[in-house]
Structures are given as C-alpha cells and as structure tokens.
Amino acid sequence: MDFLQIIVGRILLEYLGASVRFLYVNLRCLLNDDDFTTFSGIWSPTGSNKKKEENSSLNHMIGVIFLGALILLLIIFNT
C-alpha cells in the first residue's frame, strides 16, 4: 500500500508542477505574443528519453515548491 501511495503522490506532484508550468508559460505567451504551448507539450514532450526525464524532474520539483508554498500560506493565514 505504501508503494502505491508513493507512486500516486509522485504522479500528482508532477501533474501539479505541469499545471503550474502550463499556466506560467501561456500567461507569458499572452503578454509577449508568442505561440501557445499545449499541456501535452509540458506534461510529456516528444523527443529523447533524456528530455522526458528532465521534464518529469522539473515538473516534480515545481510541484513540490508550489505545494510547499501553498501549505506555508495556509499555515500563515490560519493562525
């Protein structure tokens, strides 16, 4: 059961990180008149396995930072 929770937690963190990156990239695109980036381009880009693993690590890292900031804000505003 613990193994399943670790896997699901990692997937949820990667999804959260990909969502944050998607919002950031496309808001920046709106301000600079750049091309729109699809969610699948951020979640699982095409290319080599190295690029996919780097992207997965980046999504996970951003997900952890965003979740940590969200928990910190909840602690600050609820006390």
C-alpha atoms as a PDB file:
ATOM      1  CA  MET A   1       0.000   0.000   0.000  1.00  0.00           C
ATOM      2  CA  ASP A   2       2.829   2.416   0.789  1.00  0.00           C
ATOM      3  CA  PHE A   3       4.412   1.774  -2.601  1.00  0.00           C
ATOM      4  CA  LEU A   4       1.123   2.652  -4.315  1.00  0.00           C
ATOM      5  CA  GLN A   5       0.823   5.873  -2.293  1.00  0.00           C
ATOM      6  CA  ILE A   6       4.346   6.912  -3.275  1.00  0.00           C
ATOM      7  CA  ILE A   7       3.621   6.329  -6.964  1.00  0.00           C
ATOM      8  CA  VAL A   8       0.292   8.189  -6.849  1.00  0.00           C
ATOM      9  CA  GLY A   9       1.865  11.051  -4.872  1.00  0.00           C
ATOM     10  CA  ARG A  10       4.659  11.439  -7.405  1.00  0.00           C
ATOM     11  CA  ILE A  11       2.175  11.482 -10.284  1.00  0.00           C
ATOM     12  CA  LEU A  12       0.040  14.090  -8.512  1.00  0.00           C
ATOM     13  CA  LEU A  13       3.098  16.277  -7.839  1.00  0.00           C
ATOM     14  CA  GLU A  14       4.178  16.011 -11.469  1.00  0.00           C
ATOM     15  CA  TYR A  15       0.668  16.921 -12.617  1.00  0.00           C
ATOM     16  CA  LEU A  16       0.605  19.906 -10.247  1.00  0.00           C
ATOM     17  CA  GLY A  17       4.025  21.035 -11.475  1.00  0.00           C
ATOM     18  CA  ALA A  18       2.999  20.634 -15.114  1.00  0.00           C
ATOM     19  CA  SER A  19      -0.162  22.657 -14.459  1.00  0.00           C
ATOM     20  CA  VAL A  20       1.813  25.482 -12.844  1.00  0.00           C
ATOM     21  CA  ARG A  21       4.338  25.457 -15.704  1.00  0.00           C
ATOM     22  CA  PHE A  22       1.472  25.436 -18.253  1.00  0.00           C
ATOM     23  CA  LEU A  23      -0.134  28.494 -16.666  1.00  0.00           C
ATOM     24  CA  TYR A  24       3.199  30.325 -16.405  1.00  0.00           C
ATOM     25  CA  VAL A  25       4.291  29.610 -19.976  1.00  0.00           C
ATOM     26  CA  ASN A  26       0.963  30.533 -21.536  1.00  0.00           C
ATOM     27  CA  LEU A  27       0.489  33.684 -19.459  1.00  0.00           C
ATOM     28  CA  ARG A  28       3.953  34.736 -20.568  1.00  0.00           C
ATOM     29  CA  CYS A  29       2.964  33.916 -24.158  1.00  0.00           C
ATOM     30  CA  LEU A  30      -0.097  36.140 -23.874  1.00  0.00           C
ATOM     31  CA  LEU A  31       1.998  39.080 -22.712  1.00  0.00           C
ATOM     32  CA  ASN A  32       4.720  38.625 -25.357  1.00  0.00           C
ATOM     33  CA  ASP A  33       2.535  37.479 -28.300  1.00  0.00           C
ATOM     34  CA  ASP A  34       4.376  34.144 -28.554  1.00  0.00           C
ATOM     35  CA  ASP A  35       2.971  30.810 -29.691  1.00  0.00           C
ATOM     36  CA  PHE A  36       0.603  28.872 -27.438  1.00  0.00           C
ATOM     37  CA  THR A  37       2.070  25.769 -25.754  1.00  0.00           C
ATOM     38  CA  THR A  38      -0.200  22.764 -25.273  1.00  0.00           C
ATOM     39  CA  PHE A  39      -0.427  20.915 -21.972  1.00  0.00           C
ATOM     40  CA  SER A  40       0.843  17.716 -23.567  1.00  0.00           C
ATOM     41  CA  GLY A  41       3.982  19.591 -24.629  1.00  0.00           C
ATOM     42  CA  ILE A  42       4.707  20.313 -20.989  1.00  0.00           C
ATOM     43  CA  TRP A  43       3.458  17.041 -19.484  1.00  0.00           C
ATOM     44  CA  SER A  44       5.150  14.614 -21.874  1.00  0.00           C
ATOM     45  CA  PRO A  45       7.123  16.249 -24.669  1.00  0.00           C
ATOM     46  CA  THR A  46       8.184  14.359 -27.757  1.00  0.00           C
ATOM     47  CA  GLY A  47      11.844  13.602 -28.131  1.00  0.00           C
ATOM     48  CA  SER A  48      14.514  11.595 -26.399  1.00  0.00           C
ATOM     49  CA  ASN A  49      14.131   9.775 -23.098  1.00  0.00           C
ATOM     50  CA  LYS A  50      16.638  12.168 -21.519  1.00  0.00           C
ATOM     51  CA  LYS A  51      14.403  15.146 -22.384  1.00  0.00           C
ATOM     52  CA  LYS A  52      11.359  13.340 -20.968  1.00  0.00           C
ATOM     53  CA  GLU A  53      13.150  12.532 -17.708  1.00  0.00           C
ATOM     54  CA  GLU A  54      14.432  16.101 -17.332  1.00  0.00           C
ATOM     55  CA  ASN A  55      10.906  17.374 -17.949  1.00  0.00           C
ATOM     56  CA  SER A  56       9.487  14.943 -15.389  1.00  0.00           C
ATOM     57  CA  SER A  57      12.066  16.045 -12.816  1.00  0.00           C
ATOM     58  CA  LEU A  58      11.298  19.711 -13.473  1.00  0.00           C
ATOM     59  CA  ASN A  59       7.551  19.118 -13.137  1.00  0.00           C
ATOM     60  CA  HIS A  60       8.126  17.257  -9.872  1.00  0.00           C
ATOM     61  CA  MET A  61      10.390  19.984  -8.484  1.00  0.00           C
ATOM     62  CA  ILE A  62       7.946  22.774  -9.359  1.00  0.00           C
ATOM     63  CA  GLY A  63       5.073  20.732  -7.906  1.00  0.00           C
ATOM     64  CA  VAL A  64       6.927  20.298  -4.610  1.00  0.00           C
ATOM     65  CA  ILE A  65       7.794  24.015  -4.435  1.00  0.00           C
ATOM     66  CA  PHE A  66       4.222  25.075  -5.246  1.00  0.00           C
ATOM     67  CA  LEU A  67       2.696  22.621  -2.760  1.00  0.00           C
ATOM     68  CA  GLY A  68       5.167  23.715  -0.070  1.00  0.00           C
ATOM     69  CA  ALA A  69       4.351  27.380  -0.691  1.00  0.00           C
ATOM     70  CA  LEU A  70       0.638  26.605  -0.576  1.00  0.00           C
ATOM     71  CA  ILE A  71       0.980  24.780   2.764  1.00  0.00           C
ATOM     72  CA  LEU A  72       3.117  27.620   4.143  1.00  0.00           C
ATOM     73  CA  LEU A  73       0.484  30.172   3.138  1.00  0.00           C
ATOM     74  CA  LEU A  74      -2.231  28.032   4.749  1.00  0.00           C
ATOM     75  CA  ILE A  75      -0.266  27.908   7.992  1.00  0.00           C
ATOM     76  CA  ILE A  76       0.388  31.658   7.971  1.00  0.00           C
ATOM     77  CA  PHE A  77      -3.181  32.722   7.222  1.00  0.00           C
ATOM     78  CA  ASN A  78      -4.867  30.208   9.511  1.00  0.00           C
ATOM     79  CA  THR A  79      -3.020  31.202  12.671  1.00  0.00           C
END
